[in-house]
Amino acid sequence: MAAASAPVRHRPTITRTAGQVGTVYRFTCPCGATGEEQAARRMALVDLNQHVMSLPRVPADQQCRIPRTHDCSLWEPCGLCAGQLDLFDLEVS
């Protein structure tokens, strides 16, 4: 029986390389997605944002409440916060 593979974490980055005409920028993601070579970093950032926006939305009960502390991006489910109940019901009626 084959072991289940771990889900891919989407941690896109923008890399700068030397192209034929000069410096080019490209976004890459560990999931295998890559953008086109762009002349400006800002254009590669647009490709990166389009990739992040195309990811499926995380259900509300799996969203991270403190992403910096848990090292979790907004588009990833949080294993620590998933399924946790709020300690206090602070909603005003």
PDB file of N, CA and C in Angstrom:
ATOM      1  N   MET A   1       0.845  -1.173   0.000  1.00  0.00           N
ATOM      2  CA  MET A   1       0.000   0.000   0.000  1.00  0.00           C
ATOM      3  C   MET A   1       0.892   1.238   0.000  1.00  0.00           C
ATOM      4  N   ALA A   2       0.619   2.178  -0.880  1.00  0.00           N
ATOM      5  CA  ALA A   2       1.428   3.395  -0.993  1.00  0.00           C
ATOM      6  C   ALA A   2       1.026   4.380   0.097  1.00  0.00           C
ATOM      7  N   ALA A   3       2.000   5.089   0.617  1.00  0.00           N
ATOM      8  CA  ALA A   3       1.728   6.095   1.647  1.00  0.00           C
ATOM      9  C   ALA A   3       1.076   7.313   1.005  1.00  0.00           C
ATOM     10  N   ALA A   4       0.176   7.928   1.744  1.00  0.00           N
ATOM     11  CA  ALA A   4      -0.495   9.129   1.249  1.00  0.00           C
ATOM     12  C   ALA A   4       0.500  10.277   1.232  1.00  0.00           C
ATOM     13  N   SER A   5       0.506  10.994   0.137  1.00  0.00           N
ATOM     14  CA  SER A   5       1.444  12.118   0.036  1.00  0.00           C
ATOM     15  C   SER A   5       0.892  13.319   0.799  1.00  0.00           C
ATOM     16  N   ALA A   6       1.795  14.094   1.335  1.00  0.00           N
ATOM     17  CA  ALA A   6       1.395  15.294   2.070  1.00  0.00           C
ATOM     18  C   ALA A   6       0.886  16.338   1.082  1.00  0.00           C
ATOM     19  N   PRO A   7      -0.079  17.146   1.496  1.00  0.00           N
ATOM     20  CA  PRO A   7      -0.576  18.179   0.584  1.00  0.00           C
ATOM     21  C   PRO A   7       0.519  19.206   0.300  1.00  0.00           C
ATOM     22  N   VAL A   8       0.484  19.747  -0.894  1.00  0.00           N
ATOM     23  CA  VAL A   8       1.479  20.734  -1.314  1.00  0.00           C
ATOM     24  C   VAL A   8       1.127  22.079  -0.684  1.00  0.00           C
ATOM     25  N   ARG A   9       2.100  22.707  -0.063  1.00  0.00           N
ATOM     26  CA  ARG A   9       1.887  24.049   0.482  1.00  0.00           C
ATOM     27  C   ARG A   9       2.184  25.061  -0.607  1.00  0.00           C
ATOM     28  N   HIS A  10       1.276  25.950  -0.811  1.00  0.00           N
ATOM     29  CA  HIS A  10       1.455  26.995  -1.819  1.00  0.00           C
ATOM     30  C   HIS A  10       2.233  28.131  -1.180  1.00  0.00           C
ATOM     31  N   ARG A  11       3.504  28.211  -1.486  1.00  0.00           N
ATOM     32  CA  ARG A  11       4.378  29.279  -1.004  1.00  0.00           C
ATOM     33  C   ARG A  11       5.047  29.921  -2.212  1.00  0.00           C
ATOM     34  N   PRO A  12       4.285  30.708  -2.994  1.00  0.00           N
ATOM     35  CA  PRO A  12       4.839  31.295  -4.206  1.00  0.00           C
ATOM     36  C   PRO A  12       5.918  32.334  -3.910  1.00  0.00           C
ATOM     37  N   THR A  13       6.911  32.383  -4.781  1.00  0.00           N
ATOM     38  CA  THR A  13       7.992  33.362  -4.675  1.00  0.00           C
ATOM     39  C   THR A  13       8.250  33.963  -6.043  1.00  0.00           C
ATOM     40  N   ILE A  14       8.915  35.087  -6.041  1.00  0.00           N
ATOM     41  CA  ILE A  14       9.322  35.731  -7.297  1.00  0.00           C
ATOM     42  C   ILE A  14      10.839  35.649  -7.364  1.00  0.00           C
ATOM     43  N   THR A  15      11.331  35.108  -8.472  1.00  0.00           N
ATOM     44  CA  THR A  15      12.778  34.980  -8.648  1.00  0.00           C
ATOM     45  C   THR A  15      13.245  35.928  -9.749  1.00  0.00           C
ATOM     46  N   ARG A  16      14.475  36.392  -9.598  1.00  0.00           N
ATOM     47  CA  ARG A  16      15.081  37.280 -10.588  1.00  0.00           C
ATOM     48  C   ARG A  16      16.214  36.524 -11.265  1.00  0.00           C
ATOM     49  N   THR A  17      16.209  36.507 -12.572  1.00  0.00           N
ATOM     50  CA  THR A  17      17.269  35.839 -13.330  1.00  0.00           C
ATOM     51  C   THR A  17      17.690  36.732 -14.495  1.00  0.00           C
ATOM     52  N   ALA A  18      18.795  36.370 -15.094  1.00  0.00           N
ATOM     53  CA  ALA A  18      19.273  37.094 -16.270  1.00  0.00           C
ATOM     54  C   ALA A  18      18.650  36.468 -17.506  1.00  0.00           C
ATOM     55  N   GLY A  19      17.974  37.271 -18.276  1.00  0.00           N
ATOM     56  CA  GLY A  19      17.366  36.796 -19.514  1.00  0.00           C
ATOM     57  C   GLY A  19      18.198  37.205 -20.709  1.00  0.00           C
ATOM     58  N   GLN A  20      17.674  36.983 -21.894  1.00  0.00           N
ATOM     59  CA  GLN A  20      18.391  37.342 -23.114  1.00  0.00           C
ATOM     60  C   GLN A  20      18.510  38.849 -23.281  1.00  0.00           C
ATOM     61  N   VAL A  21      17.526  39.587 -22.798  1.00  0.00           N
ATOM     62  CA  VAL A  21      17.510  41.035 -22.983  1.00  0.00           C
ATOM     63  C   VAL A  21      17.949  41.774 -21.717  1.00  0.00           C
ATOM     64  N   GLY A  22      17.899  41.145 -20.588  1.00  0.00           N
ATOM     65  CA  GLY A  22      18.252  41.789 -19.321  1.00  0.00           C
ATOM     66  C   GLY A  22      17.678  40.981 -18.170  1.00  0.00           C
ATOM     67  N   THR A  23      17.434  41.629 -17.074  1.00  0.00           N
ATOM     68  CA  THR A  23      16.881  40.971 -15.904  1.00  0.00           C
ATOM     69  C   THR A  23      15.405  40.663 -16.132  1.00  0.00           C
ATOM     70  N   VAL A  24      15.007  39.436 -15.776  1.00  0.00           N
ATOM     71  CA  VAL A  24      13.604  39.036 -15.880  1.00  0.00           C
ATOM     72  C   VAL A  24      13.154  38.492 -14.531  1.00  0.00           C
ATOM     73  N   TYR A  25      11.859  38.604 -14.287  1.00  0.00           N
ATOM     74  CA  TYR A  25      11.254  38.143 -13.045  1.00  0.00           C
ATOM     75  C   TYR A  25      10.197  37.096 -13.379  1.00  0.00           C
ATOM     76  N   ARG A  26      10.073  36.110 -12.513  1.00  0.00           N
ATOM     77  CA  ARG A  26       9.086  35.049 -12.727  1.00  0.00           C
ATOM     78  C   ARG A  26       8.632  34.530 -11.374  1.00  0.00           C
ATOM     79  N   PHE A  27       7.338  34.281 -11.246  1.00  0.00           N
ATOM     80  CA  PHE A  27       6.856  33.688 -10.009  1.00  0.00           C
ATOM     81  C   PHE A  27       6.867  32.177 -10.156  1.00  0.00           C
ATOM     82  N   THR A  28       7.216  31.486  -9.091  1.00  0.00           N
ATOM     83  CA  THR A  28       7.172  30.024  -9.048  1.00  0.00           C
ATOM     84  C   THR A  28       6.510  29.598  -7.743  1.00  0.00           C
ATOM     85  N   CYS A  29       5.885  28.443  -7.773  1.00  0.00           N
ATOM     86  CA  CYS A  29       5.192  27.909  -6.604  1.00  0.00           C
ATOM     87  C   CYS A  29       5.577  26.437  -6.464  1.00  0.00           C
ATOM     88  N   PRO A  30       5.700  25.932  -5.238  1.00  0.00           N
ATOM     89  CA  PRO A  30       6.029  24.516  -5.051  1.00  0.00           C
ATOM     90  C   PRO A  30       5.009  23.552  -5.662  1.00  0.00           C
ATOM     91  N   CYS A  31       3.808  24.042  -5.973  1.00  0.00           N
ATOM     92  CA  CYS A  31       2.804  23.171  -6.587  1.00  0.00           C
ATOM     93  C   CYS A  31       3.119  22.900  -8.057  1.00  0.00           C
ATOM     94  N   GLY A  32       4.100  23.621  -8.611  1.00  0.00           N
ATOM     95  CA  GLY A  32       4.481  23.427 -10.004  1.00  0.00           C
ATOM     96  C   GLY A  32       4.062  24.564 -10.915  1.00  0.00           C
ATOM     97  N   ALA A  33       3.261  25.479 -10.424  1.00  0.00           N
ATOM     98  CA  ALA A  33       2.816  26.616 -11.238  1.00  0.00           C
ATOM     99  C   ALA A  33       3.958  27.613 -11.396  1.00  0.00           C
ATOM    100  N   THR A  34       4.110  28.120 -12.605  1.00  0.00           N
ATOM    101  CA  THR A  34       5.102  29.157 -12.875  1.00  0.00           C
ATOM    102  C   THR A  34       4.474  30.207 -13.764  1.00  0.00           C
ATOM    103  N   GLY A  35       4.975  31.413 -13.658  1.00  0.00           N
ATOM    104  CA  GLY A  35       4.484  32.495 -14.492  1.00  0.00           C
ATOM    105  C   GLY A  35       5.392  32.719 -15.680  1.00  0.00           C
ATOM    106  N   GLU A  36       5.003  33.619 -16.506  1.00  0.00           N
ATOM    107  CA  GLU A  36       5.807  34.014 -17.664  1.00  0.00           C
ATOM    108  C   GLU A  36       6.972  34.877 -17.191  1.00  0.00           C
ATOM    109  N   GLU A  37       8.027  34.932 -17.988  1.00  0.00           N
ATOM    110  CA  GLU A  37       9.123  35.850 -17.699  1.00  0.00           C
ATOM    111  C   GLU A  37       8.609  37.265 -17.921  1.00  0.00           C
ATOM    112  N   GLN A  38       8.817  38.104 -16.924  1.00  0.00           N
ATOM    113  CA  GLN A  38       8.321  39.480 -16.985  1.00  0.00           C
ATOM    114  C   GLN A  38       9.492  40.441 -16.875  1.00  0.00           C
ATOM    115  N   ALA A  39       9.344  41.600 -17.460  1.00  0.00           N
ATOM    116  CA  ALA A  39      10.413  42.602 -17.433  1.00  0.00           C
ATOM    117  C   ALA A  39      10.468  43.344 -16.103  1.00  0.00           C
ATOM    118  N   ALA A  40       9.371  43.365 -15.354  1.00  0.00           N
ATOM    119  CA  ALA A  40       9.312  44.087 -14.081  1.00  0.00           C
ATOM    120  C   ALA A  40       8.784  43.167 -12.983  1.00  0.00           C
ATOM    121  N   ARG A  41       9.289  43.360 -11.783  1.00  0.00           N
ATOM    122  CA  ARG A  41       8.856  42.568 -10.632  1.00  0.00           C
ATOM    123  C   ARG A  41       7.361  42.733 -10.382  1.00  0.00           C
ATOM    124  N   ARG A  42       6.863  43.926 -10.580  1.00  0.00           N
ATOM    125  CA  ARG A  42       5.439  44.202 -10.358  1.00  0.00           C
ATOM    126  C   ARG A  42       4.564  43.347 -11.278  1.00  0.00           C
ATOM    127  N   MET A  43       5.016  43.101 -12.490  1.00  0.00           N
ATOM    128  CA  MET A  43       4.244  42.273 -13.425  1.00  0.00           C
ATOM    129  C   MET A  43       4.254  40.816 -12.977  1.00  0.00           C
ATOM    130  N   ALA A  44       5.376  40.352 -12.426  1.00  0.00           N
ATOM    131  CA  ALA A  44       5.434  38.992 -11.891  1.00  0.00           C
ATOM    132  C   ALA A  44       4.556  38.869 -10.653  1.00  0.00           C
ATOM    133  N   LEU A  45       4.445  39.945  -9.890  1.00  0.00           N
ATOM    134  CA  LEU A  45       3.578  39.950  -8.713  1.00  0.00           C
ATOM    135  C   LEU A  45       2.109  39.814  -9.111  1.00  0.00           C
ATOM    136  N   VAL A  46       1.741  40.376 -10.243  1.00  0.00           N
ATOM    137  CA  VAL A  46       0.375  40.220 -10.761  1.00  0.00           C
ATOM    138  C   VAL A  46       0.112  38.741 -11.068  1.00  0.00           C
ATOM    139  N   ASP A  47       1.073  38.055 -11.693  1.00  0.00           N
ATOM    140  CA  ASP A  47       0.929  36.621 -11.966  1.00  0.00           C
ATOM    141  C   ASP A  47       0.796  35.831 -10.667  1.00  0.00           C
ATOM    142  N   LEU A  48       1.605  36.185  -9.675  1.00  0.00           N
ATOM    143  CA  LEU A  48       1.555  35.512  -8.377  1.00  0.00           C
ATOM    144  C   LEU A  48       0.185  35.695  -7.737  1.00  0.00           C
ATOM    145  N   ASN A  49      -0.342  36.918  -7.755  1.00  0.00           N
ATOM    146  CA  ASN A  49      -1.652  37.186  -7.170  1.00  0.00           C
ATOM    147  C   ASN A  49      -2.766  36.443  -7.894  1.00  0.00           C
ATOM    148  N   GLN A  50      -2.660  36.314  -9.213  1.00  0.00           N
ATOM    149  CA  GLN A  50      -3.660  35.571  -9.969  1.00  0.00           C
ATOM    150  C   GLN A  50      -3.638  34.099  -9.565  1.00  0.00           C
ATOM    151  N   HIS A  51      -2.447  33.553  -9.319  1.00  0.00           N
ATOM    152  CA  HIS A  51      -2.337  32.158  -8.879  1.00  0.00           C
ATOM    153  C   HIS A  51      -2.980  31.979  -7.512  1.00  0.00           C
ATOM    154  N   VAL A  52      -2.691  32.879  -6.593  1.00  0.00           N
ATOM    155  CA  VAL A  52      -3.254  32.784  -5.243  1.00  0.00           C
ATOM    156  C   VAL A  52      -4.781  32.917  -5.288  1.00  0.00           C
ATOM    157  N   MET A  53      -5.291  33.814  -6.119  1.00  0.00           N
ATOM    158  CA  MET A  53      -6.738  34.006  -6.220  1.00  0.00           C
ATOM    159  C   MET A  53      -7.425  32.808  -6.867  1.00  0.00           C
ATOM    160  N   SER A  54      -6.707  32.016  -7.654  1.00  0.00           N
ATOM    161  CA  SER A  54      -7.302  30.854  -8.309  1.00  0.00           C
ATOM    162  C   SER A  54      -7.385  29.643  -7.375  1.00  0.00           C
ATOM    163  N   LEU A  55      -6.735  29.717  -6.216  1.00  0.00           N
ATOM    164  CA  LEU A  55      -6.776  28.594  -5.272  1.00  0.00           C
ATOM    165  C   LEU A  55      -8.155  28.497  -4.646  1.00  0.00           C
ATOM    166  N   PRO A  56      -8.584  27.274  -4.279  1.00  0.00           N
ATOM    167  CA  PRO A  56      -9.899  27.146  -3.659  1.00  0.00           C
ATOM    168  C   PRO A  56      -9.950  27.867  -2.317  1.00  0.00           C
ATOM    169  N   ARG A  57     -11.111  28.403  -2.001  1.00  0.00           N
ATOM    170  CA  ARG A  57     -11.302  29.150  -0.758  1.00  0.00           C
ATOM    171  C   ARG A  57     -11.277  28.199   0.441  1.00  0.00           C
ATOM    172  N   VAL A  58     -10.643  28.626   1.518  1.00  0.00           N
ATOM    173  CA  VAL A  58     -10.551  27.822   2.740  1.00  0.00           C
ATOM    174  C   VAL A  58     -11.846  27.990   3.527  1.00  0.00           C
ATOM    175  N   PRO A  59     -12.468  26.874   3.948  1.00  0.00           N
ATOM    176  CA  PRO A  59     -13.688  26.991   4.763  1.00  0.00           C
ATOM    177  C   PRO A  59     -13.423  27.785   6.043  1.00  0.00           C
ATOM    178  N   ALA A  60     -14.437  28.479   6.531  1.00  0.00           N
ATOM    179  CA  ALA A  60     -14.276  29.361   7.691  1.00  0.00           C
ATOM    180  C   ALA A  60     -13.778  28.619   8.922  1.00  0.00           C
ATOM    181  N   ASP A  61     -14.183  27.365   9.115  1.00  0.00           N
ATOM    182  CA  ASP A  61     -13.766  26.636  10.310  1.00  0.00           C
ATOM    183  C   ASP A  61     -12.314  26.148  10.233  1.00  0.00           C
ATOM    184  N   GLN A  62     -11.670  26.288   9.059  1.00  0.00           N
ATOM    185  CA  GLN A  62     -10.281  25.867   8.900  1.00  0.00           C
ATOM    186  C   GLN A  62      -9.321  27.042   8.721  1.00  0.00           C
ATOM    187  N   GLN A  63      -9.842  28.275   8.713  1.00  0.00           N
ATOM    188  CA  GLN A  63      -8.991  29.448   8.538  1.00  0.00           C
ATOM    189  C   GLN A  63      -8.177  29.703   9.800  1.00  0.00           C
ATOM    190  N   CYS A  64      -6.991  30.216   9.619  1.00  0.00           N
ATOM    191  CA  CYS A  64      -6.103  30.497  10.747  1.00  0.00           C
ATOM    192  C   CYS A  64      -6.489  31.818  11.395  1.00  0.00           C
ATOM    193  N   ARG A  65      -6.503  31.829  12.703  1.00  0.00           N
ATOM    194  CA  ARG A  65      -6.832  33.046  13.447  1.00  0.00           C
ATOM    195  C   ARG A  65      -5.605  33.906  13.695  1.00  0.00           C
ATOM    196  N   ILE A  66      -4.436  33.283  13.769  1.00  0.00           N
ATOM    197  CA  ILE A  66      -3.179  34.022  13.974  1.00  0.00           C
ATOM    198  C   ILE A  66      -2.128  33.490  12.994  1.00  0.00           C
ATOM    199  N   PRO A  67      -2.213  33.896  11.715  1.00  0.00           N
ATOM    200  CA  PRO A  67      -1.358  33.337  10.667  1.00  0.00           C
ATOM    201  C   PRO A  67       0.144  33.527  10.886  1.00  0.00           C
ATOM    202  N   ARG A  68       0.571  34.628  11.443  1.00  0.00           N
ATOM    203  CA  ARG A  68       2.011  34.833  11.650  1.00  0.00           C
ATOM    204  C   ARG A  68       2.570  33.841  12.649  1.00  0.00           C
ATOM    205  N   THR A  69       1.866  33.636  13.732  1.00  0.00           N
ATOM    206  CA  THR A  69       2.339  32.722  14.771  1.00  0.00           C
ATOM    207  C   THR A  69       2.332  31.280  14.283  1.00  0.00           C
ATOM    208  N   HIS A  70       1.312  30.910  13.524  1.00  0.00           N
ATOM    209  CA  HIS A  70       1.178  29.535  13.050  1.00  0.00           C
ATOM    210  C   HIS A  70       1.867  29.288  11.720  1.00  0.00           C
ATOM    211  N   ASP A  71       2.523  30.295  11.143  1.00  0.00           N
ATOM    212  CA  ASP A  71       3.206  30.185   9.849  1.00  0.00           C
ATOM    213  C   ASP A  71       2.257  29.627   8.788  1.00  0.00           C
ATOM    214  N   CYS A  72       1.132  30.274   8.658  1.00  0.00           N
ATOM    215  CA  CYS A  72       0.086  29.814   7.740  1.00  0.00           C
ATOM    216  C   CYS A  72      -0.351  30.986   6.866  1.00  0.00           C
ATOM    217  N   SER A  73      -0.450  30.752   5.582  1.00  0.00           N
ATOM    218  CA  SER A  73      -0.918  31.786   4.658  1.00  0.00           C
ATOM    219  C   SER A  73      -2.437  31.826   4.657  1.00  0.00           C
ATOM    220  N   LEU A  74      -2.991  32.936   4.168  1.00  0.00           N
ATOM    221  CA  LEU A  74      -4.443  33.104   4.178  1.00  0.00           C
ATOM    222  C   LEU A  74      -5.160  32.094   3.289  1.00  0.00           C
ATOM    223  N   TRP A  75      -4.465  31.548   2.306  1.00  0.00           N
ATOM    224  CA  TRP A  75      -5.089  30.610   1.376  1.00  0.00           C
ATOM    225  C   TRP A  75      -4.874  29.155   1.784  1.00  0.00           C
ATOM    226  N   GLU A  76      -4.295  28.907   2.957  1.00  0.00           N
ATOM    227  CA  GLU A  76      -4.049  27.546   3.429  1.00  0.00           C
ATOM    228  C   GLU A  76      -4.895  27.235   4.660  1.00  0.00           C
ATOM    229  N   PRO A  77      -5.394  26.009   4.779  1.00  0.00           N
ATOM    230  CA  PRO A  77      -6.075  25.641   6.021  1.00  0.00           C
ATOM    231  C   PRO A  77      -5.050  25.510   7.147  1.00  0.00           C
ATOM    232  N   CYS A  78      -5.434  25.856   8.346  1.00  0.00           N
ATOM    233  CA  CYS A  78      -4.531  25.808   9.496  1.00  0.00           C
ATOM    234  C   CYS A  78      -4.833  24.559  10.321  1.00  0.00           C
ATOM    235  N   GLY A  79      -3.835  23.710  10.471  1.00  0.00           N
ATOM    236  CA  GLY A  79      -4.009  22.494  11.247  1.00  0.00           C
ATOM    237  C   GLY A  79      -4.213  22.752  12.728  1.00  0.00           C
ATOM    238  N   LEU A  80      -3.738  23.884  13.214  1.00  0.00           N
ATOM    239  CA  LEU A  80      -3.884  24.196  14.634  1.00  0.00           C
ATOM    240  C   LEU A  80      -5.237  24.824  14.953  1.00  0.00           C
ATOM    241  N   CYS A  81      -5.742  25.665  14.074  1.00  0.00           N
ATOM    242  CA  CYS A  81      -7.008  26.357  14.330  1.00  0.00           C
ATOM    243  C   CYS A  81      -8.225  25.584  13.815  1.00  0.00           C
ATOM    244  N   ALA A  82      -8.006  24.627  12.917  1.00  0.00           N
ATOM    245  CA  ALA A  82      -9.122  23.916  12.288  1.00  0.00           C
ATOM    246  C   ALA A  82      -9.961  23.192  13.337  1.00  0.00           C
ATOM    247  N   GLY A  83     -11.244  23.434  13.303  1.00  0.00           N
ATOM    248  CA  GLY A  83     -12.171  22.742  14.189  1.00  0.00           C
ATOM    249  C   GLY A  83     -12.180  23.245  15.617  1.00  0.00           C
ATOM    250  N   GLN A  84     -11.394  24.272  15.938  1.00  0.00           N
ATOM    251  CA  GLN A  84     -11.371  24.799  17.296  1.00  0.00           C
ATOM    252  C   GLN A  84     -12.560  25.720  17.508  1.00  0.00           C
ATOM    253  N   LEU A  85     -13.130  25.635  18.679  1.00  0.00           N
ATOM    254  CA  LEU A  85     -14.238  26.510  19.025  1.00  0.00           C
ATOM    255  C   LEU A  85     -13.703  27.787  19.655  1.00  0.00           C
ATOM    256  N   ASP A  86     -14.452  28.874  19.514  1.00  0.00           N
ATOM    257  CA  ASP A  86     -14.084  30.123  20.176  1.00  0.00           C
ATOM    258  C   ASP A  86     -14.243  29.953  21.685  1.00  0.00           C
ATOM    259  N   LEU A  87     -13.334  30.565  22.438  1.00  0.00           N
ATOM    260  CA  LEU A  87     -13.433  30.470  23.891  1.00  0.00           C
ATOM    261  C   LEU A  87     -14.615  31.256  24.432  1.00  0.00           C
ATOM    262  N   PHE A  88     -14.870  32.393  23.842  1.00  0.00           N
ATOM    263  CA  PHE A  88     -15.954  33.246  24.330  1.00  0.00           C
ATOM    264  C   PHE A  88     -16.803  33.640  23.139  1.00  0.00           C
ATOM    265  N   ASP A  89     -18.087  33.740  23.383  1.00  0.00           N
ATOM    266  CA  ASP A  89     -18.996  34.217  22.343  1.00  0.00           C
ATOM    267  C   ASP A  89     -19.118  35.722  22.538  1.00  0.00           C
ATOM    268  N   LEU A  90     -18.390  36.478  21.736  1.00  0.00           N
ATOM    269  CA  LEU A  90     -18.328  37.915  21.909  1.00  0.00           C
ATOM    270  C   LEU A  90     -19.257  38.678  20.970  1.00  0.00           C
ATOM    271  N   GLU A  91     -20.126  37.967  20.278  1.00  0.00           N
ATOM    272  CA  GLU A  91     -21.039  38.640  19.370  1.00  0.00           C
ATOM    273  C   GLU A  91     -22.078  39.409  20.162  1.00  0.00           C
ATOM    274  N   VAL A  92     -22.334  40.629  19.720  1.00  0.00           N
ATOM    275  CA  VAL A  92     -23.326  41.471  20.386  1.00  0.00           C
ATOM    276  C   VAL A  92     -24.659  41.230  19.703  1.00  0.00           C
ATOM    277  N   SER A  93     -25.685  40.979  20.499  1.00  0.00           N
ATOM    278  CA  SER A  93     -27.030  40.724  19.943  1.00  0.00           C
ATOM    279  C   SER A  93     -27.786  42.003  19.765  1.00  0.00           C
TER     280      SER A  93
END
